[in-house]
Amino acid sequence: MRAEAARIVWRVLLHAAVIAGLYIAFSFALFLGLQVRPMLGNLGMVVVAVLGGVYVYFGFIRRR
């Protein structure tokens, strides 16, 4: 019982860390697009979209 609770807490923390990382990547893509070059911002948004899709696929769709 205790090991299962620890696994659930670990999964929740891992999901929170991935979502925080996606938020930071999205913010950096906005910075690139608004401050540096719009093309780099568009590239950053594509990268964030791909990373978000990979997260949804491996985190929710594909189960072990």
PDB file of N, CA and C in Angstrom:
ATOM      1  N   MET A   1       0.821  -1.189   0.000  1.00  0.00           N
ATOM      2  CA  MET A   1       0.000   0.000   0.000  1.00  0.00           C
ATOM      3  C   MET A   1       0.870   1.259   0.000  1.00  0.00           C
ATOM      4  N   ARG A   2       1.902   1.235   0.814  1.00  0.00           N
ATOM      5  CA  ARG A   2       2.759   2.412   0.913  1.00  0.00           C
ATOM      6  C   ARG A   2       3.571   2.638  -0.362  1.00  0.00           C
ATOM      7  N   ALA A   3       4.002   1.561  -0.992  1.00  0.00           N
ATOM      8  CA  ALA A   3       4.763   1.674  -2.237  1.00  0.00           C
ATOM      9  C   ALA A   3       3.885   2.228  -3.359  1.00  0.00           C
ATOM     10  N   GLU A   4       2.629   1.830  -3.385  1.00  0.00           N
ATOM     11  CA  GLU A   4       1.722   2.346  -4.408  1.00  0.00           C
ATOM     12  C   GLU A   4       1.454   3.835  -4.210  1.00  0.00           C
ATOM     13  N   ALA A   5       1.333   4.271  -2.987  1.00  0.00           N
ATOM     14  CA  ALA A   5       1.143   5.696  -2.718  1.00  0.00           C
ATOM     15  C   ALA A   5       2.377   6.493  -3.117  1.00  0.00           C
ATOM     16  N   ALA A   6       3.542   5.940  -2.865  1.00  0.00           N
ATOM     17  CA  ALA A   6       4.775   6.618  -3.259  1.00  0.00           C
ATOM     18  C   ALA A   6       4.873   6.698  -4.774  1.00  0.00           C
ATOM     19  N   ARG A   7       4.444   5.673  -5.475  1.00  0.00           N
ATOM     20  CA  ARG A   7       4.464   5.689  -6.938  1.00  0.00           C
ATOM     21  C   ARG A   7       3.508   6.755  -7.489  1.00  0.00           C
ATOM     22  N   ILE A   8       2.353   6.899  -6.874  1.00  0.00           N
ATOM     23  CA  ILE A   8       1.390   7.915  -7.309  1.00  0.00           C
ATOM     24  C   ILE A   8       1.958   9.311  -7.082  1.00  0.00           C
ATOM     25  N   VAL A   9       2.569   9.536  -5.943  1.00  0.00           N
ATOM     26  CA  VAL A   9       3.166  10.842  -5.656  1.00  0.00           C
ATOM     27  C   VAL A   9       4.292  11.118  -6.654  1.00  0.00           C
ATOM     28  N   TRP A  10       5.106  10.124  -6.952  1.00  0.00           N
ATOM     29  CA  TRP A  10       6.204  10.281  -7.911  1.00  0.00           C
ATOM     30  C   TRP A  10       5.667  10.641  -9.293  1.00  0.00           C
ATOM     31  N   ARG A  11       4.588   9.985  -9.721  1.00  0.00           N
ATOM     32  CA  ARG A  11       3.995  10.286 -11.028  1.00  0.00           C
ATOM     33  C   ARG A  11       3.432  11.699 -11.086  1.00  0.00           C
ATOM     34  N   VAL A  12       2.774  12.120 -10.028  1.00  0.00           N
ATOM     35  CA  VAL A  12       2.214  13.474  -9.991  1.00  0.00           C
ATOM     36  C   VAL A  12       3.332  14.502 -10.053  1.00  0.00           C
ATOM     37  N   LEU A  13       4.397  14.291  -9.303  1.00  0.00           N
ATOM     38  CA  LEU A  13       5.527  15.216  -9.336  1.00  0.00           C
ATOM     39  C   LEU A  13       6.206  15.225 -10.709  1.00  0.00           C
ATOM     40  N   LEU A  14       6.301  14.074 -11.341  1.00  0.00           N
ATOM     41  CA  LEU A  14       6.899  14.001 -12.662  1.00  0.00           C
ATOM     42  C   LEU A  14       6.051  14.738 -13.700  1.00  0.00           C
ATOM     43  N   HIS A  15       4.735  14.566 -13.642  1.00  0.00           N
ATOM     44  CA  HIS A  15       3.845  15.295 -14.545  1.00  0.00           C
ATOM     45  C   HIS A  15       3.943  16.803 -14.312  1.00  0.00           C
ATOM     46  N   ALA A  16       4.011  17.213 -13.071  1.00  0.00           N
ATOM     47  CA  ALA A  16       4.132  18.641 -12.767  1.00  0.00           C
ATOM     48  C   ALA A  16       5.445  19.202 -13.308  1.00  0.00           C
ATOM     49  N   ALA A  17       6.524  18.434 -13.196  1.00  0.00           N
ATOM     50  CA  ALA A  17       7.812  18.889 -13.707  1.00  0.00           C
ATOM     51  C   ALA A  17       7.796  18.998 -15.231  1.00  0.00           C
ATOM     52  N   VAL A  18       7.159  18.068 -15.903  1.00  0.00           N
ATOM     53  CA  VAL A  18       7.080  18.121 -17.367  1.00  0.00           C
ATOM     54  C   VAL A  18       6.244  19.319 -17.804  1.00  0.00           C
ATOM     55  N   ILE A  19       5.136  19.564 -17.129  1.00  0.00           N
ATOM     56  CA  ILE A  19       4.292  20.710 -17.474  1.00  0.00           C
ATOM     57  C   ILE A  19       5.044  22.013 -17.222  1.00  0.00           C
ATOM     58  N   ALA A  20       5.807  22.091 -16.147  1.00  0.00           N
ATOM     59  CA  ALA A  20       6.609  23.291 -15.881  1.00  0.00           C
ATOM     60  C   ALA A  20       7.673  23.468 -16.967  1.00  0.00           C
ATOM     61  N   GLY A  21       8.283  22.387 -17.397  1.00  0.00           N
ATOM     62  CA  GLY A  21       9.276  22.465 -18.469  1.00  0.00           C
ATOM     63  C   GLY A  21       8.660  22.919 -19.784  1.00  0.00           C
ATOM     64  N   LEU A  22       7.466  22.428 -20.092  1.00  0.00           N
ATOM     65  CA  LEU A  22       6.775  22.877 -21.300  1.00  0.00           C
ATOM     66  C   LEU A  22       6.430  24.359 -21.216  1.00  0.00           C
ATOM     67  N   TYR A  23       6.041  24.815 -20.042  1.00  0.00           N
ATOM     68  CA  TYR A  23       5.736  26.236 -19.859  1.00  0.00           C
ATOM     69  C   TYR A  23       6.985  27.097 -20.073  1.00  0.00           C
ATOM     70  N   ILE A  24       8.111  26.650 -19.556  1.00  0.00           N
ATOM     71  CA  ILE A  24       9.361  27.403 -19.739  1.00  0.00           C
ATOM     72  C   ILE A  24       9.761  27.415 -21.217  1.00  0.00           C
ATOM     73  N   ALA A  25       9.616  26.276 -21.900  1.00  0.00           N
ATOM     74  CA  ALA A  25       9.933  26.226 -23.326  1.00  0.00           C
ATOM     75  C   ALA A  25       9.007  27.134 -24.122  1.00  0.00           C
ATOM     76  N   PHE A  26       7.720  27.171 -23.765  1.00  0.00           N
ATOM     77  CA  PHE A  26       6.764  28.037 -24.436  1.00  0.00           C
ATOM     78  C   PHE A  26       7.108  29.503 -24.199  1.00  0.00           C
ATOM     79  N   SER A  27       7.464  29.848 -22.983  1.00  0.00           N
ATOM     80  CA  SER A  27       7.835  31.233 -22.676  1.00  0.00           C
ATOM     81  C   SER A  27       9.090  31.642 -23.436  1.00  0.00           C
ATOM     82  N   PHE A  28      10.046  30.752 -23.548  1.00  0.00           N
ATOM     83  CA  PHE A  28      11.267  31.052 -24.291  1.00  0.00           C
ATOM     84  C   PHE A  28      10.971  31.217 -25.777  1.00  0.00           C
ATOM     85  N   ALA A  29      10.046  30.410 -26.308  1.00  0.00           N
ATOM     86  CA  ALA A  29       9.660  30.556 -27.712  1.00  0.00           C
ATOM     87  C   ALA A  29       8.989  31.904 -27.939  1.00  0.00           C
ATOM     88  N   LEU A  30       8.162  32.338 -26.987  1.00  0.00           N
ATOM     89  CA  LEU A  30       7.553  33.667 -27.102  1.00  0.00           C
ATOM     90  C   LEU A  30       8.617  34.749 -27.061  1.00  0.00           C
ATOM     91  N   PHE A  31       9.591  34.614 -26.187  1.00  0.00           N
ATOM     92  CA  PHE A  31      10.681  35.583 -26.119  1.00  0.00           C
ATOM     93  C   PHE A  31      11.424  35.654 -27.439  1.00  0.00           C
ATOM     94  N   LEU A  32      11.730  34.482 -28.004  1.00  0.00           N
ATOM     95  CA  LEU A  32      12.441  34.463 -29.283  1.00  0.00           C
ATOM     96  C   LEU A  32      11.626  35.151 -30.368  1.00  0.00           C
ATOM     97  N   GLY A  33      10.326  34.890 -30.392  1.00  0.00           N
ATOM     98  CA  GLY A  33       9.491  35.461 -31.429  1.00  0.00           C
ATOM     99  C   GLY A  33       9.272  36.947 -31.283  1.00  0.00           C
ATOM    100  N   LEU A  34       9.186  37.420 -30.063  1.00  0.00           N
ATOM    101  CA  LEU A  34       8.881  38.833 -29.843  1.00  0.00           C
ATOM    102  C   LEU A  34      10.129  39.710 -29.761  1.00  0.00           C
ATOM    103  N   GLN A  35      11.233  39.182 -29.296  1.00  0.00           N
ATOM    104  CA  GLN A  35      12.407  40.001 -29.057  1.00  0.00           C
ATOM    105  C   GLN A  35      13.546  39.754 -30.045  1.00  0.00           C
ATOM    106  N   VAL A  36      13.698  38.550 -30.513  1.00  0.00           N
ATOM    107  CA  VAL A  36      14.855  38.220 -31.334  1.00  0.00           C
ATOM    108  C   VAL A  36      14.474  38.210 -32.812  1.00  0.00           C
ATOM    109  N   ARG A  37      13.711  37.202 -33.214  1.00  0.00           N
ATOM    110  CA  ARG A  37      13.314  37.047 -34.611  1.00  0.00           C
ATOM    111  C   ARG A  37      12.015  36.264 -34.674  1.00  0.00           C
ATOM    112  N   PRO A  38      11.042  36.696 -35.447  1.00  0.00           N
ATOM    113  CA  PRO A  38       9.776  35.961 -35.534  1.00  0.00           C
ATOM    114  C   PRO A  38       9.942  34.527 -36.040  1.00  0.00           C
ATOM    115  N   MET A  39      10.891  34.300 -36.957  1.00  0.00           N
ATOM    116  CA  MET A  39      11.092  32.947 -37.474  1.00  0.00           C
ATOM    117  C   MET A  39      11.540  32.000 -36.348  1.00  0.00           C
ATOM    118  N   LEU A  40      12.397  32.473 -35.470  1.00  0.00           N
ATOM    119  CA  LEU A  40      12.842  31.635 -34.351  1.00  0.00           C
ATOM    120  C   LEU A  40      11.690  31.343 -33.390  1.00  0.00           C
ATOM    121  N   GLY A  41      10.809  32.316 -33.222  1.00  0.00           N
ATOM    122  CA  GLY A  41       9.631  32.096 -32.387  1.00  0.00           C
ATOM    123  C   GLY A  41       8.719  31.036 -32.972  1.00  0.00           C
ATOM    124  N   ASN A  42       8.536  31.082 -34.296  1.00  0.00           N
ATOM    125  CA  ASN A  42       7.718  30.063 -34.959  1.00  0.00           C
ATOM    126  C   ASN A  42       8.347  28.685 -34.816  1.00  0.00           C
ATOM    127  N   LEU A  43       9.655  28.612 -34.983  1.00  0.00           N
ATOM    128  CA  LEU A  43      10.358  27.342 -34.784  1.00  0.00           C
ATOM    129  C   LEU A  43      10.199  26.845 -33.349  1.00  0.00           C
ATOM    130  N   GLY A  44      10.300  27.761 -32.397  1.00  0.00           N
ATOM    131  CA  GLY A  44      10.124  27.399 -30.991  1.00  0.00           C
ATOM    132  C   GLY A  44       8.733  26.887 -30.703  1.00  0.00           C
ATOM    133  N   MET A  45       7.728  27.500 -31.320  1.00  0.00           N
ATOM    134  CA  MET A  45       6.355  27.034 -31.123  1.00  0.00           C
ATOM    135  C   MET A  45       6.160  25.632 -31.698  1.00  0.00           C
ATOM    136  N   VAL A  46       6.795  25.367 -32.829  1.00  0.00           N
ATOM    137  CA  VAL A  46       6.705  24.020 -33.409  1.00  0.00           C
ATOM    138  C   VAL A  46       7.362  23.012 -32.481  1.00  0.00           C
ATOM    139  N   VAL A  47       8.503  23.366 -31.927  1.00  0.00           N
ATOM    140  CA  VAL A  47       9.192  22.464 -31.001  1.00  0.00           C
ATOM    141  C   VAL A  47       8.339  22.220 -29.761  1.00  0.00           C
ATOM    142  N   VAL A  48       7.721  23.267 -29.223  1.00  0.00           N
ATOM    143  CA  VAL A  48       6.863  23.113 -28.042  1.00  0.00           C
ATOM    144  C   VAL A  48       5.655  22.238 -28.378  1.00  0.00           C
ATOM    145  N   ALA A  49       5.072  22.421 -29.559  1.00  0.00           N
ATOM    146  CA  ALA A  49       3.936  21.593 -29.961  1.00  0.00           C
ATOM    147  C   ALA A  49       4.332  20.126 -30.086  1.00  0.00           C
ATOM    148  N   VAL A  50       5.505  19.862 -30.649  1.00  0.00           N
ATOM    149  CA  VAL A  50       5.980  18.476 -30.772  1.00  0.00           C
ATOM    150  C   VAL A  50       6.234  17.878 -29.393  1.00  0.00           C
ATOM    151  N   LEU A  51       6.872  18.650 -28.517  1.00  0.00           N
ATOM    152  CA  LEU A  51       7.121  18.160 -27.158  1.00  0.00           C
ATOM    153  C   LEU A  51       5.818  17.912 -26.407  1.00  0.00           C
ATOM    154  N   GLY A  52       4.846  18.781 -26.596  1.00  0.00           N
ATOM    155  CA  GLY A  52       3.536  18.573 -25.971  1.00  0.00           C
ATOM    156  C   GLY A  52       2.864  17.318 -26.493  1.00  0.00           C
ATOM    157  N   GLY A  53       2.957  17.068 -27.798  1.00  0.00           N
ATOM    158  CA  GLY A  53       2.393  15.847 -28.360  1.00  0.00           C
ATOM    159  C   GLY A  53       3.074  14.599 -27.848  1.00  0.00           C
ATOM    160  N   VAL A  54       4.392  14.666 -27.716  1.00  0.00           N
ATOM    161  CA  VAL A  54       5.141  13.521 -27.173  1.00  0.00           C
ATOM    162  C   VAL A  54       4.739  13.277 -25.715  1.00  0.00           C
ATOM    163  N   TYR A  55       4.549  14.350 -24.961  1.00  0.00           N
ATOM    164  CA  TYR A  55       4.130  14.208 -23.560  1.00  0.00           C
ATOM    165  C   TYR A  55       2.749  13.568 -23.458  1.00  0.00           C
ATOM    166  N   VAL A  56       1.817  14.024 -24.291  1.00  0.00           N
ATOM    167  CA  VAL A  56       0.471  13.449 -24.258  1.00  0.00           C
ATOM    168  C   VAL A  56       0.509  11.981 -24.676  1.00  0.00           C
ATOM    169  N   TYR A  57       1.287  11.671 -25.722  1.00  0.00           N
ATOM    170  CA  TYR A  57       1.341  10.287 -26.185  1.00  0.00           C
ATOM    171  C   TYR A  57       1.939   9.361 -25.131  1.00  0.00           C
ATOM    172  N   PHE A  58       3.122   9.711 -24.624  1.00  0.00           N
ATOM    173  CA  PHE A  58       3.779   8.821 -23.670  1.00  0.00           C
ATOM    174  C   PHE A  58       3.190   8.920 -22.270  1.00  0.00           C
ATOM    175  N   GLY A  59       2.570  10.059 -21.929  1.00  0.00           N
ATOM    176  CA  GLY A  59       2.037  10.215 -20.584  1.00  0.00           C
ATOM    177  C   GLY A  59       0.637   9.709 -20.399  1.00  0.00           C
ATOM    178  N   PHE A  60      -0.195   9.723 -21.477  1.00  0.00           N
ATOM    179  CA  PHE A  60      -1.592   9.395 -21.301  1.00  0.00           C
ATOM    180  C   PHE A  60      -2.104   8.318 -22.260  1.00  0.00           C
ATOM    181  N   ILE A  61      -1.684   8.368 -23.525  1.00  0.00           N
ATOM    182  CA  ILE A  61      -2.254   7.447 -24.514  1.00  0.00           C
ATOM    183  C   ILE A  61      -1.618   6.065 -24.411  1.00  0.00           C
ATOM    184  N   ARG A  62      -0.281   6.023 -24.439  1.00  0.00           N
ATOM    185  CA  ARG A  62       0.408   4.732 -24.382  1.00  0.00           C
ATOM    186  C   ARG A  62       0.640   4.335 -22.936  1.00  0.00           C
ATOM    187  N   ARG A  63       0.011   3.271 -22.549  1.00  0.00           N
ATOM    188  CA  ARG A  63       0.180   2.751 -21.187  1.00  0.00           C
ATOM    189  C   ARG A  63       1.067   1.533 -21.209  1.00  0.00           C
ATOM    190  N   ARG A  64       1.724   1.281 -20.132  1.00  0.00           N
ATOM    191  CA  ARG A  64       2.608   0.113 -20.036  1.00  0.00           C
ATOM    192  C   ARG A  64       1.796  -1.140 -19.804  1.00  0.00           C
TER     193      ARG A  64
END
